[in-house]
Amino acid sequence: MNIINVCILGLIQGLTEFLPVSSSGHLAIVQRLIPGFSQPGVLFDAVLHFGTVLAVIFYFRKKIFDILKKDRKYLILLMTGTVPVIFVGLAFRVQIEEIFNNLKFVGIALVITGILNFLTDQAKEIKKEISVKNSFLIGIAQAIAIIPGISRSGSTIFASTSLGIKKEKAAEFSFLLSIPAVLGANLLEFIHYKNFAFVNLWFYVSGFIFAFISGIIAINLALKLLKNKGFKIFSYYCLIVGLVVFILL
């Protein structure tokens, strides 16, 4: 792996984390196509995810400050929505890492993501508020999205809009919900592979920077497309990529 490949992977992670096309699925595909690519577990992927979670924190910094300062209800909703992913991540961590090597499974998961994106555009807004019950259900969708190829943003926004939550609120909650989930997953990876933390440090830093910058761009783009029923584009994209991966890889 060289610095160009690292920057490309960082760019892919940033763009696909918030656009509903599955960053983990795309990383699994592209990494398979890079000759000689290897990493300890999914440590490099964790660093890239750390870049995108910081992009969320930067983009929604005012909202996060307000939540921490005076909106305990929203904080409880985020904590409730994080419970399912903690359970799934701890219970099936090894199995999930193994799925990264099964691209046919990733292809099928991308097709499922494409279907979810199509249904998201069809959802009718009832403008319901996010309740504790709804946040837990959205959290289950996020837990399922640990599977490479299932988009985290796509599945959580689909779950939210299916529950009647306004699309802008659904997207905001989805992105904010990623913060504790991704930070927790990263912590596990860093602890497990701490002895590799400073191997090829420049590679990790470069990937992180590209993921952070492209992540901010992707958040803004995703919000605009969701508002204008633009998720159909990603529906077709995921269906095509998923079928190609399943057939050819």
Protein backbone atom coordinates (compact mmCIF):
# COMPACT_ATOMS: atom_id res chain seq x y z
CA MET A 1 0.00 0.00 0.00
CA ASN A 2 1.30 3.47 -0.89
CA ILE A 3 0.35 7.00 0.05
CA ILE A 4 -1.87 7.42 -3.03
CA ASN A 5 -3.91 4.36 -2.09
CA VAL A 6 -4.19 5.64 1.47
CA CYS A 7 -5.53 9.02 0.33
CA ILE A 8 -8.00 7.34 -2.04
CA LEU A 9 -9.28 5.14 0.79
CA GLY A 10 -9.63 8.18 3.05
CA LEU A 11 -11.58 9.99 0.34
CA ILE A 12 -13.84 6.98 -0.21
CA GLN A 13 -14.49 6.62 3.52
CA GLY A 14 -15.42 10.28 3.93
CA LEU A 15 -17.78 10.38 0.96
CA THR A 16 -19.47 7.03 1.56
CA GLU A 17 -19.90 7.27 5.34
CA PHE A 18 -22.65 9.87 5.08
CA LEU A 19 -23.93 9.22 1.60
CA PRO A 20 -26.16 6.13 1.92
CA VAL A 21 -23.91 3.68 0.08
CA SER A 22 -21.97 1.95 2.91
CA SER A 23 -18.44 3.08 3.63
CA SER A 24 -17.45 -0.31 5.07
CA GLY A 25 -18.70 -2.06 1.93
CA HIS A 26 -16.75 0.26 -0.35
CA LEU A 27 -13.60 -0.06 1.74
CA ALA A 28 -13.86 -3.85 1.60
CA ILE A 29 -14.21 -3.76 -2.20
CA VAL A 30 -11.45 -1.23 -2.90
CA GLN A 31 -9.04 -2.84 -0.44
CA ARG A 32 -9.50 -6.15 -2.22
CA LEU A 33 -8.53 -4.45 -5.49
CA ILE A 34 -5.34 -2.92 -4.03
CA PRO A 35 -2.44 -5.35 -4.56
CA GLY A 36 -0.88 -6.48 -1.29
CA PHE A 37 -3.20 -4.48 0.97
CA SER A 38 -3.19 -5.63 4.58
CA GLN A 39 -3.99 -4.19 8.00
CA PRO A 40 -4.17 -5.43 11.59
CA GLY A 41 -7.84 -6.43 11.89
CA VAL A 42 -9.73 -3.34 10.72
CA LEU A 43 -7.42 -0.86 12.45
CA PHE A 44 -6.86 1.29 9.35
CA ASP A 45 -10.61 1.38 8.74
CA ALA A 46 -11.10 2.48 12.35
CA VAL A 47 -8.72 5.42 11.83
CA LEU A 48 -10.66 6.47 8.73
CA HIS A 49 -13.94 6.20 10.65
CA PHE A 50 -12.41 8.37 13.36
CA GLY A 51 -11.81 11.03 10.71
CA THR A 52 -15.46 10.98 9.65
CA VAL A 53 -16.81 11.04 13.20
CA LEU A 54 -14.76 14.17 13.83
CA ALA A 55 -16.32 15.59 10.66
CA VAL A 56 -19.75 15.07 12.27
CA ILE A 57 -18.61 16.74 15.48
CA PHE A 58 -17.24 19.71 13.53
CA TYR A 59 -20.30 20.08 11.27
CA PHE A 60 -22.84 19.82 14.11
CA ARG A 61 -20.66 21.49 16.77
CA LYS A 62 -23.33 24.07 17.67
CA LYS A 63 -26.04 21.42 17.98
CA ILE A 64 -23.75 19.20 20.07
CA PHE A 65 -22.90 22.11 22.36
CA ASP A 66 -26.60 22.84 22.88
CA ILE A 67 -27.32 19.17 23.61
CA LEU A 68 -24.56 18.93 26.20
CA LYS A 69 -25.53 22.25 27.75
CA LYS A 70 -29.32 22.04 28.02
CA ASP A 71 -30.95 19.24 26.02
CA ARG A 72 -30.78 16.18 28.24
CA LYS A 73 -33.75 14.58 26.47
CA TYR A 74 -31.87 14.47 23.16
CA LEU A 75 -28.81 13.13 24.92
CA ILE A 76 -30.92 10.31 26.38
CA LEU A 77 -32.25 9.55 22.89
CA LEU A 78 -28.69 9.24 21.56
CA MET A 79 -27.67 7.02 24.46
CA THR A 80 -30.73 4.79 23.95
CA GLY A 81 -30.04 4.50 20.23
CA THR A 82 -26.45 3.46 20.93
CA VAL A 83 -27.35 0.45 23.11
CA PRO A 84 -28.08 -2.03 20.25
CA VAL A 85 -24.82 -1.35 18.41
CA ILE A 86 -22.80 -1.81 21.61
CA PHE A 87 -24.34 -5.24 22.14
CA VAL A 88 -23.90 -6.36 18.52
CA GLY A 89 -20.38 -4.92 18.26
CA LEU A 90 -19.16 -6.71 21.38
CA ALA A 91 -20.99 -9.98 20.72
CA PHE A 92 -20.15 -10.39 17.02
CA ARG A 93 -16.92 -8.44 16.55
CA VAL A 94 -14.90 -11.35 15.12
CA GLN A 95 -17.69 -12.53 12.79
CA ILE A 96 -18.16 -9.02 11.44
CA GLU A 97 -14.45 -8.67 10.63
CA GLU A 98 -14.64 -11.95 8.71
CA ILE A 99 -17.46 -10.63 6.52
CA PHE A 100 -15.04 -8.06 5.09
CA ASN A 101 -13.36 -10.92 3.23
CA ASN A 102 -16.65 -12.18 1.73
CA LEU A 103 -17.37 -9.79 -1.13
CA LYS A 104 -20.37 -11.74 -2.37
CA PHE A 105 -22.01 -11.07 0.98
CA VAL A 106 -21.04 -7.41 0.66
CA GLY A 107 -22.63 -7.33 -2.80
CA ILE A 108 -25.92 -8.68 -1.44
CA ALA A 109 -25.82 -6.16 1.40
CA LEU A 110 -25.33 -3.30 -1.09
CA VAL A 111 -28.42 -4.44 -3.01
CA ILE A 112 -30.37 -4.31 0.26
CA THR A 113 -29.03 -0.80 0.89
CA GLY A 114 -30.22 0.22 -2.57
CA ILE A 115 -33.72 -0.97 -1.76
CA LEU A 116 -33.71 0.92 1.55
CA ASN A 117 -32.66 4.13 -0.22
CA PHE A 118 -35.53 3.79 -2.69
CA LEU A 119 -38.01 3.29 0.14
CA THR A 120 -36.62 6.30 2.00
CA ASP A 121 -37.54 8.59 -0.88
CA GLN A 122 -41.07 7.13 -0.87
CA ALA A 123 -41.61 7.64 2.86
CA LYS A 124 -44.35 10.06 3.91
CA GLU A 125 -43.41 12.60 6.54
CA ILE A 126 -45.77 12.69 9.52
CA LYS A 127 -43.40 15.03 11.39
CA LYS A 128 -43.35 12.82 14.47
CA GLU A 129 -40.89 13.59 17.22
CA ILE A 130 -38.14 11.12 18.07
CA SER A 131 -39.18 9.16 21.16
CA VAL A 132 -37.14 6.82 23.35
CA LYS A 133 -38.85 3.85 21.69
CA ASN A 134 -38.12 5.19 18.22
CA SER A 135 -34.51 5.95 19.08
CA PHE A 136 -34.04 2.33 20.17
CA LEU A 137 -35.56 1.07 16.90
CA ILE A 138 -33.28 3.39 14.94
CA GLY A 139 -30.42 2.05 17.04
CA ILE A 140 -31.30 -1.49 15.93
CA ALA A 141 -31.02 -0.32 12.32
CA GLN A 142 -27.60 1.11 13.12
CA ALA A 143 -26.54 -2.17 14.73
CA ILE A 144 -27.56 -4.09 11.60
CA ALA A 145 -25.48 -1.67 9.55
CA ILE A 146 -22.30 -2.99 11.17
CA ILE A 147 -22.51 -5.54 8.34
CA PRO A 148 -20.27 -4.31 5.47
CA GLY A 149 -22.48 -3.22 2.58
CA ILE A 150 -25.39 -2.09 4.75
CA SER A 151 -25.18 1.68 4.93
CA ARG A 152 -25.30 3.05 8.46
CA SER A 153 -26.70 6.39 7.38
CA GLY A 154 -29.01 4.76 4.85
CA SER A 155 -30.46 2.22 7.29
CA THR A 156 -30.93 4.68 10.17
CA ILE A 157 -32.50 7.36 7.96
CA PHE A 158 -34.78 4.69 6.45
CA ALA A 159 -35.82 3.56 9.92
CA SER A 160 -36.47 7.13 11.03
CA THR A 161 -38.52 8.15 7.99
CA SER A 162 -40.48 4.88 8.17
CA LEU A 163 -41.46 5.88 11.70
CA GLY A 164 -42.78 9.19 10.36
CA ILE A 165 -39.89 11.39 11.42
CA LYS A 166 -39.13 14.39 9.21
CA LYS A 167 -36.21 13.71 6.87
CA GLU A 168 -34.03 16.58 8.06
CA LYS A 169 -34.43 15.48 11.68
CA ALA A 170 -33.87 11.86 10.66
CA ALA A 171 -30.57 12.72 8.96
CA GLU A 172 -29.38 14.89 11.84
CA PHE A 173 -30.17 12.19 14.39
CA SER A 174 -28.50 9.56 12.19
CA PHE A 175 -25.27 11.54 11.93
CA LEU A 176 -25.17 12.43 15.62
CA LEU A 177 -25.94 8.81 16.53
CA SER A 178 -22.77 7.78 14.74
CA ILE A 179 -20.58 9.65 17.24
CA PRO A 180 -20.79 7.32 20.29
CA ALA A 181 -21.02 4.20 18.10
CA VAL A 182 -17.93 4.97 16.00
CA LEU A 183 -15.90 6.30 18.93
CA GLY A 184 -16.67 3.12 20.89
CA ALA A 185 -15.73 0.86 17.98
CA ASN A 186 -12.53 2.81 17.42
CA LEU A 187 -11.59 2.52 21.08
CA LEU A 188 -11.92 -1.27 20.90
CA GLU A 189 -9.74 -1.45 17.78
CA PHE A 190 -7.07 0.86 19.19
CA ILE A 191 -6.90 -1.13 22.43
CA HIS A 192 -6.79 -4.47 20.63
CA TYR A 193 -4.09 -3.38 18.16
CA LYS A 194 -2.23 -0.84 20.29
CA ASN A 195 1.12 -2.39 19.39
CA PHE A 196 0.55 -1.42 15.75
CA ALA A 197 -0.46 2.17 16.48
CA PHE A 198 2.76 3.77 15.22
CA VAL A 199 3.48 1.49 12.27
CA ASN A 200 3.31 3.59 9.07
CA LEU A 201 1.98 6.52 11.09
CA TRP A 202 2.05 8.88 8.10
CA PHE A 203 -0.33 6.55 6.23
CA TYR A 204 -2.83 6.67 9.07
CA VAL A 205 -2.59 10.46 9.40
CA SER A 206 -3.06 11.02 5.67
CA GLY A 207 -6.07 8.72 5.51
CA PHE A 208 -7.55 10.46 8.54
CA ILE A 209 -7.20 13.94 6.99
CA PHE A 210 -8.79 12.91 3.69
CA ALA A 211 -11.66 11.17 5.49
CA PHE A 212 -12.29 14.25 7.66
CA ILE A 213 -12.41 16.74 4.79
CA SER A 214 -14.46 14.59 2.42
CA GLY A 215 -16.76 13.68 5.31
CA ILE A 216 -17.76 17.32 5.81
CA ILE A 217 -18.51 17.64 2.10
CA ALA A 218 -20.58 14.44 2.15
CA ILE A 219 -22.71 15.52 5.13
CA ASN A 220 -23.71 18.72 3.37
CA LEU A 221 -24.45 16.85 0.13
CA ALA A 222 -26.48 14.13 1.86
CA LEU A 223 -28.69 16.67 3.63
CA LYS A 224 -29.44 18.48 0.36
CA LEU A 225 -30.20 15.31 -1.59
CA LEU A 226 -32.42 13.88 1.14
CA LYS A 227 -34.48 17.06 1.21
CA ASN A 228 -34.95 16.92 -2.57
CA LYS A 229 -35.72 13.19 -2.74
CA GLY A 230 -32.30 12.49 -4.22
CA PHE A 231 -31.75 9.14 -2.51
CA LYS A 232 -33.01 7.36 -5.64
CA ILE A 233 -29.63 8.10 -7.20
CA PHE A 234 -27.94 6.09 -4.49
CA SER A 235 -30.57 3.39 -4.78
CA TYR A 236 -29.64 2.73 -8.41
CA TYR A 237 -25.95 3.07 -7.62
CA CYS A 238 -26.04 0.51 -4.81
CA LEU A 239 -28.10 -1.93 -6.85
CA ILE A 240 -25.65 -1.76 -9.76
CA VAL A 241 -22.48 -1.94 -7.65
CA GLY A 242 -23.94 -4.71 -5.49
CA LEU A 243 -24.84 -6.88 -8.49
CA VAL A 244 -21.47 -6.28 -10.17
CA VAL A 245 -19.59 -7.20 -6.99
CA PHE A 246 -21.73 -10.30 -6.42
CA ILE A 247 -21.29 -11.52 -10.01
CA LEU A 248 -17.67 -10.56 -10.74
CA LEU A 249 -15.94 -10.63 -7.35
